Amino acid sequence: MARDGSQPNDHGAGGRTTPSHSTGTLYVVSMPIGHPDDITLRALATLRCATVVASEDPRATQTLLAHHGITATVTSYGPVNRDEKIRLLLHRLAQGQNIALVSDNGTPVIYDPGSLFVAAAHQAGIPVTVLPGPSSMTAAAAISGFSGDAIIFEGHLPSTSSRLAQYLSGLRRERSTLVFYVDPGSLGRLLNILAKILPTRQIAIAMDLTTCGETLARGRPGELLDRIGPAPKNSAVTVIIEGYGKGSLRESMSRRAPRTTRLRGGE
């Protein structure tokens, strides 16, 4: 595992493996999306006790572990030689070792290659359990102010303007809230296309949630084009689009609100 940049574990193998007659467990562990303290106590305990931490980005994971005073063996599960690494990790699980699967931020498998490892573990009969926690998708949807009753998530939008316009045109009458992860360099292009296809639709742009640079901008696409400049290169950008017909319902509720909430004297 040293060839993957693994970091030695000073806890030793003792106490970190299950009995030899039993397989280990694959723990799918959610990580912070920005602020390093947004992690559960159970997740920290699991990371301390796992034989190996399989990470999308070992350097980012080691930084987080160091912040919490955890020393662990960290190895990569991709993207280079992913199939071989998954086979090696499955072998360790079969030997009774417990493995924590983490993403560089948020919940593994959500726009993350960890799904291949999880699927392989299920196929091999390895127990898989999840430690839920942060996700940029749910955090952005929560802060947007749009309905969360039905959400459509797209981790990767089409790369060309023509395909993107065609994709968004097909969602004009979609009543669900739409949530997209967007490359910072493509935000301006997305807003330009939205201004043409969904000019009156309310959208929200969330950047670098839970960090000191957190920003949220809400409005129509054309308005946001005028208000926000280019997104910083390394920003984590999530775009949320209100569902079709939700705006009129929201406005109707807003108009009714004063009549239903006004208090008369003595009440």
Protein backbone atom coordinates (compact mmCIF):
# COMPACT_ATOMS: atom_id res chain seq x y z
CA MET A 1 0.00 0.00 0.00
CA ALA A 2 3.05 2.29 0.34
CA ARG A 3 3.04 2.84 -3.42
CA ASP A 4 -0.32 4.63 -3.01
CA GLY A 5 1.17 7.10 -0.56
CA SER A 6 -0.28 5.24 2.41
CA GLN A 7 0.50 6.65 5.83
CA PRO A 8 1.65 4.20 8.54
CA ASN A 9 -0.82 3.49 11.30
CA ASP A 10 0.63 3.62 14.79
CA HIS A 11 -2.30 1.74 16.29
CA GLY A 12 -1.19 -1.57 14.81
CA ALA A 13 -3.39 -4.29 13.36
CA GLY A 14 -4.41 -5.63 16.75
CA GLY A 15 -7.95 -4.61 17.68
CA ARG A 16 -8.60 -3.38 14.16
CA THR A 17 -9.58 -6.66 12.57
CA THR A 18 -12.46 -9.00 13.09
CA PRO A 19 -11.86 -12.68 13.91
CA SER A 20 -10.17 -14.66 11.11
CA HIS A 21 -13.30 -16.72 10.43
CA SER A 22 -15.27 -13.56 9.67
CA THR A 23 -15.06 -10.94 6.95
CA GLY A 24 -14.51 -7.31 7.74
CA THR A 25 -17.03 -4.53 7.18
CA LEU A 26 -16.96 -1.73 4.64
CA TYR A 27 -17.97 1.53 6.30
CA VAL A 28 -19.19 4.29 3.98
CA VAL A 29 -18.26 7.41 5.95
CA SER A 30 -19.48 10.93 5.19
CA MET A 31 -16.90 13.71 5.41
CA PRO A 32 -17.23 17.49 5.86
CA ILE A 33 -18.01 19.55 2.75
CA GLY A 34 -15.98 22.50 3.98
CA HIS A 35 -15.67 23.13 7.70
CA PRO A 36 -13.52 20.32 9.19
CA ASP A 37 -15.64 20.07 12.35
CA ASP A 38 -18.79 19.11 10.44
CA ILE A 39 -18.27 15.40 11.06
CA THR A 40 -20.10 13.05 13.41
CA LEU A 41 -18.61 11.51 16.54
CA ARG A 42 -19.42 8.08 15.15
CA ALA A 43 -17.53 8.85 11.95
CA LEU A 44 -14.47 9.94 13.93
CA ALA A 45 -14.59 6.76 16.03
CA THR A 46 -14.85 4.61 12.90
CA LEU A 47 -11.90 6.37 11.25
CA ARG A 48 -9.82 5.77 14.37
CA CYS A 49 -10.62 2.06 14.42
CA ALA A 50 -10.57 1.16 10.73
CA THR A 51 -7.66 -0.92 9.48
CA VAL A 52 -7.51 1.16 6.30
CA VAL A 53 -9.12 4.38 5.14
CA ALA A 54 -9.81 4.23 1.39
CA SER A 55 -9.95 7.76 0.06
CA GLU A 56 -10.69 9.54 -3.21
CA ASP A 57 -7.97 12.07 -2.30
CA PRO A 58 -5.55 10.77 0.39
CA ARG A 59 -3.91 14.17 0.90
CA ALA A 60 -7.21 15.87 1.69
CA THR A 61 -8.18 13.00 3.99
CA GLN A 62 -4.86 13.06 5.84
CA THR A 63 -5.28 16.80 6.43
CA LEU A 64 -8.72 16.24 7.95
CA LEU A 65 -7.52 13.32 10.08
CA ALA A 66 -4.60 15.39 11.37
CA HIS A 67 -7.03 18.16 12.34
CA HIS A 68 -8.84 15.66 14.57
CA GLY A 69 -5.65 14.05 15.91
CA ILE A 70 -6.19 10.75 14.07
CA THR A 71 -3.34 8.70 12.62
CA ALA A 72 -4.51 6.13 10.09
CA THR A 73 -3.37 4.13 7.09
CA VAL A 74 -4.81 6.01 4.11
CA THR A 75 -4.81 4.68 0.57
CA SER A 76 -6.35 5.76 -2.70
CA TYR A 77 -9.14 3.86 -4.46
CA GLY A 78 -8.81 5.67 -7.76
CA PRO A 79 -8.73 6.85 -10.40
CA VAL A 80 -5.46 5.18 -11.46
CA ASN A 81 -5.52 1.35 -11.41
CA ARG A 82 -8.94 1.45 -9.77
CA ASP A 83 -9.87 -2.17 -10.55
CA GLU A 84 -6.61 -3.47 -9.07
CA LYS A 85 -7.02 -1.34 -5.95
CA ILE A 86 -10.58 -2.52 -5.44
CA ARG A 87 -9.40 -6.15 -5.67
CA LEU A 88 -6.72 -5.48 -3.04
CA LEU A 89 -9.21 -3.79 -0.73
CA LEU A 90 -11.71 -6.63 -1.16
CA HIS A 91 -8.97 -9.09 -0.23
CA ARG A 92 -8.29 -7.17 2.98
CA LEU A 93 -12.01 -7.18 3.79
CA ALA A 94 -12.15 -10.92 3.15
CA GLN A 95 -9.26 -11.34 5.62
CA GLY A 96 -11.36 -9.70 8.35
CA GLN A 97 -10.05 -6.14 8.15
CA ASN A 98 -12.45 -3.21 8.43
CA ILE A 99 -12.22 -0.46 5.82
CA ALA A 100 -13.63 3.07 5.90
CA LEU A 101 -14.53 4.48 2.49
CA VAL A 102 -14.44 8.28 2.36
CA SER A 103 -14.75 11.02 -0.25
CA ASP A 104 -12.59 14.14 -0.45
CA ASN A 105 -15.70 15.95 0.79
CA GLY A 106 -19.30 15.04 1.49
CA THR A 107 -20.84 11.60 1.23
CA PRO A 108 -19.06 8.90 -0.80
CA VAL A 109 -20.79 7.70 -3.99
CA ILE A 110 -22.60 11.06 -4.50
CA TYR A 111 -20.80 12.19 -7.69
CA ASP A 112 -17.87 10.08 -6.55
CA PRO A 113 -16.31 6.84 -7.90
CA GLY A 114 -16.84 5.01 -4.60
CA SER A 115 -19.95 3.33 -6.00
CA LEU A 116 -17.74 0.82 -7.84
CA PHE A 117 -16.12 -0.28 -4.59
CA VAL A 118 -19.45 -0.50 -2.76
CA ALA A 119 -20.99 -2.56 -5.59
CA ALA A 120 -18.00 -4.92 -5.59
CA ALA A 121 -18.27 -5.38 -1.82
CA HIS A 122 -21.97 -6.29 -2.10
CA GLN A 123 -21.20 -8.75 -4.88
CA ALA A 124 -18.49 -10.37 -2.73
CA GLY A 125 -20.85 -10.75 0.22
CA ILE A 126 -19.03 -8.17 2.34
CA PRO A 127 -21.16 -6.33 4.96
CA VAL A 128 -21.60 -2.66 4.05
CA THR A 129 -22.86 -0.01 6.45
CA VAL A 130 -23.20 3.76 6.16
CA LEU A 131 -22.36 6.61 8.51
CA PRO A 132 -24.49 9.46 7.14
CA GLY A 133 -23.47 13.07 7.25
CA PRO A 134 -22.82 16.16 5.12
CA SER A 135 -23.64 16.48 1.44
CA SER A 136 -23.33 19.59 -0.72
CA MET A 137 -26.48 18.55 -2.55
CA THR A 138 -28.73 18.50 0.53
CA ALA A 139 -27.03 21.50 2.14
CA ALA A 140 -27.57 23.63 -0.96
CA ALA A 141 -31.17 22.47 -1.34
CA ALA A 142 -31.84 23.31 2.32
CA ILE A 143 -30.43 26.83 2.11
CA SER A 144 -32.03 27.65 -1.25
CA GLY A 145 -35.52 28.24 0.11
CA PHE A 146 -37.05 26.08 -2.62
CA SER A 147 -39.23 23.02 -2.09
CA GLY A 148 -37.45 19.87 -0.98
CA ASP A 149 -40.41 17.56 -1.54
CA ALA A 150 -38.95 16.29 -4.82
CA ILE A 151 -35.40 16.87 -6.01
CA ILE A 152 -33.57 15.92 -9.20
CA PHE A 153 -29.79 15.88 -8.86
CA GLU A 154 -27.27 16.00 -11.69
CA GLY A 155 -23.61 15.75 -10.72
CA HIS A 156 -22.22 16.43 -14.18
CA LEU A 157 -23.90 18.69 -16.74
CA PRO A 158 -23.27 18.35 -20.51
CA SER A 159 -19.97 19.95 -21.48
CA THR A 160 -21.00 21.70 -24.71
CA SER A 161 -23.37 24.66 -24.93
CA SER A 162 -25.65 22.97 -27.46
CA ARG A 163 -26.05 19.80 -25.42
CA LEU A 164 -26.52 21.79 -22.22
CA ALA A 165 -29.24 23.93 -23.82
CA GLN A 166 -30.97 20.79 -25.11
CA TYR A 167 -30.80 19.15 -21.67
CA LEU A 168 -32.17 22.20 -19.85
CA SER A 169 -34.94 22.67 -22.44
CA GLY A 170 -36.18 19.21 -21.54
CA LEU A 171 -36.59 20.33 -17.92
CA ARG A 172 -38.72 23.42 -18.57
CA ARG A 173 -41.85 21.86 -17.08
CA GLU A 174 -40.11 19.76 -14.44
CA ARG A 175 -41.85 20.47 -11.12
CA SER A 176 -39.07 19.05 -8.97
CA THR A 177 -36.31 21.24 -7.60
CA LEU A 178 -33.16 20.80 -9.72
CA VAL A 179 -29.73 20.61 -8.11
CA PHE A 180 -26.52 20.68 -10.17
CA TYR A 181 -22.82 20.57 -9.32
CA VAL A 182 -21.16 23.10 -11.62
CA ASP A 183 -17.54 23.65 -12.56
CA PRO A 184 -16.63 27.24 -11.54
CA GLY A 185 -15.39 28.02 -15.04
CA SER A 186 -18.74 26.97 -16.54
CA LEU A 187 -21.03 28.99 -14.26
CA GLY A 188 -21.25 32.01 -16.56
CA ARG A 189 -22.09 29.83 -19.55
CA LEU A 190 -24.82 28.05 -17.55
CA LEU A 191 -26.37 31.35 -16.44
CA ASN A 192 -26.37 32.66 -20.01
CA ILE A 193 -28.21 29.58 -21.25
CA LEU A 194 -30.66 29.66 -18.32
CA ALA A 195 -31.38 33.32 -19.08
CA LYS A 196 -32.55 32.25 -22.53
CA ILE A 197 -34.36 29.01 -21.66
CA LEU A 198 -35.72 29.73 -18.15
CA PRO A 199 -35.55 33.54 -17.95
CA THR A 200 -38.17 33.97 -15.22
CA ARG A 201 -37.26 30.97 -13.09
CA GLN A 202 -35.84 31.55 -9.61
CA ILE A 203 -32.44 29.99 -9.03
CA ALA A 204 -29.89 29.94 -6.23
CA ILE A 205 -26.12 29.67 -6.47
CA ALA A 206 -24.33 28.30 -3.41
CA MET A 207 -20.53 28.52 -3.24
CA ASP A 208 -18.12 27.03 -0.72
CA LEU A 209 -20.80 26.16 1.81
CA THR A 210 -19.71 25.91 5.49
CA THR A 211 -16.40 27.72 4.80
CA CYS A 212 -15.46 31.30 5.64
CA GLY A 213 -16.01 32.11 1.96
CA GLU A 214 -19.59 30.80 1.87
CA THR A 215 -21.88 32.75 -0.45
CA LEU A 216 -25.48 32.37 -1.60
CA ALA A 217 -27.05 34.36 -4.42
CA ARG A 218 -30.75 34.08 -5.37
CA GLY A 219 -32.69 35.54 -8.25
CA ARG A 220 -33.43 35.12 -11.94
CA PRO A 221 -30.61 34.01 -14.25
CA GLY A 222 -30.25 37.41 -15.93
CA GLU A 223 -30.16 39.19 -12.58
CA LEU A 224 -27.46 36.88 -11.28
CA LEU A 225 -25.37 37.39 -14.40
CA ASP A 226 -25.26 41.09 -13.54
CA ARG A 227 -24.67 40.57 -9.81
CA ILE A 228 -21.96 37.93 -9.57
CA GLY A 229 -18.61 37.84 -11.25
CA PRO A 230 -16.48 34.86 -12.25
CA ALA A 231 -16.36 32.13 -9.62
CA PRO A 232 -12.94 31.52 -8.05
CA LYS A 233 -11.12 28.62 -9.70
CA ASN A 234 -11.27 26.21 -6.75
CA SER A 235 -14.79 27.05 -5.58
CA ALA A 236 -17.37 24.35 -4.89
CA VAL A 237 -20.41 25.59 -6.82
CA THR A 238 -23.94 24.19 -6.54
CA VAL A 239 -26.82 25.59 -8.59
CA ILE A 240 -30.42 25.05 -7.47
CA ILE A 241 -33.35 25.76 -9.80
CA GLU A 242 -36.90 26.11 -8.50
CA GLY A 243 -39.37 23.67 -10.00
CA TYR A 244 -41.89 24.63 -12.68
CA GLY A 245 -45.00 26.29 -11.26
CA LYS A 246 -43.53 26.57 -7.75
CA GLY A 247 -42.99 30.31 -8.03
CA SER A 248 -46.68 31.10 -8.52
CA LEU A 249 -47.55 28.90 -5.55
CA ARG A 250 -44.93 30.61 -3.41
CA GLU A 251 -46.18 34.06 -4.41
CA SER A 252 -49.78 33.04 -3.67
CA MET A 253 -48.78 31.82 -0.20
CA SER A 254 -46.86 35.04 0.37
CA ARG A 255 -49.92 37.14 -0.52
CA ARG A 256 -52.07 35.11 1.88
CA ALA A 257 -49.54 35.22 4.72
CA PRO A 258 -50.51 38.64 6.20
CA ARG A 259 -54.18 37.62 6.47
CA THR A 260 -53.39 34.33 8.19
CA THR A 261 -50.70 35.60 10.58
CA ARG A 262 -52.05 39.05 11.62
CA LEU A 263 -53.03 39.20 15.28
CA ARG A 264 -55.86 41.40 16.56
CA GLY A 265 -55.72 43.07 19.93
CA GLY A 266 -56.38 40.74 22.85
CA GLU A 267 -55.47 37.61 20.91
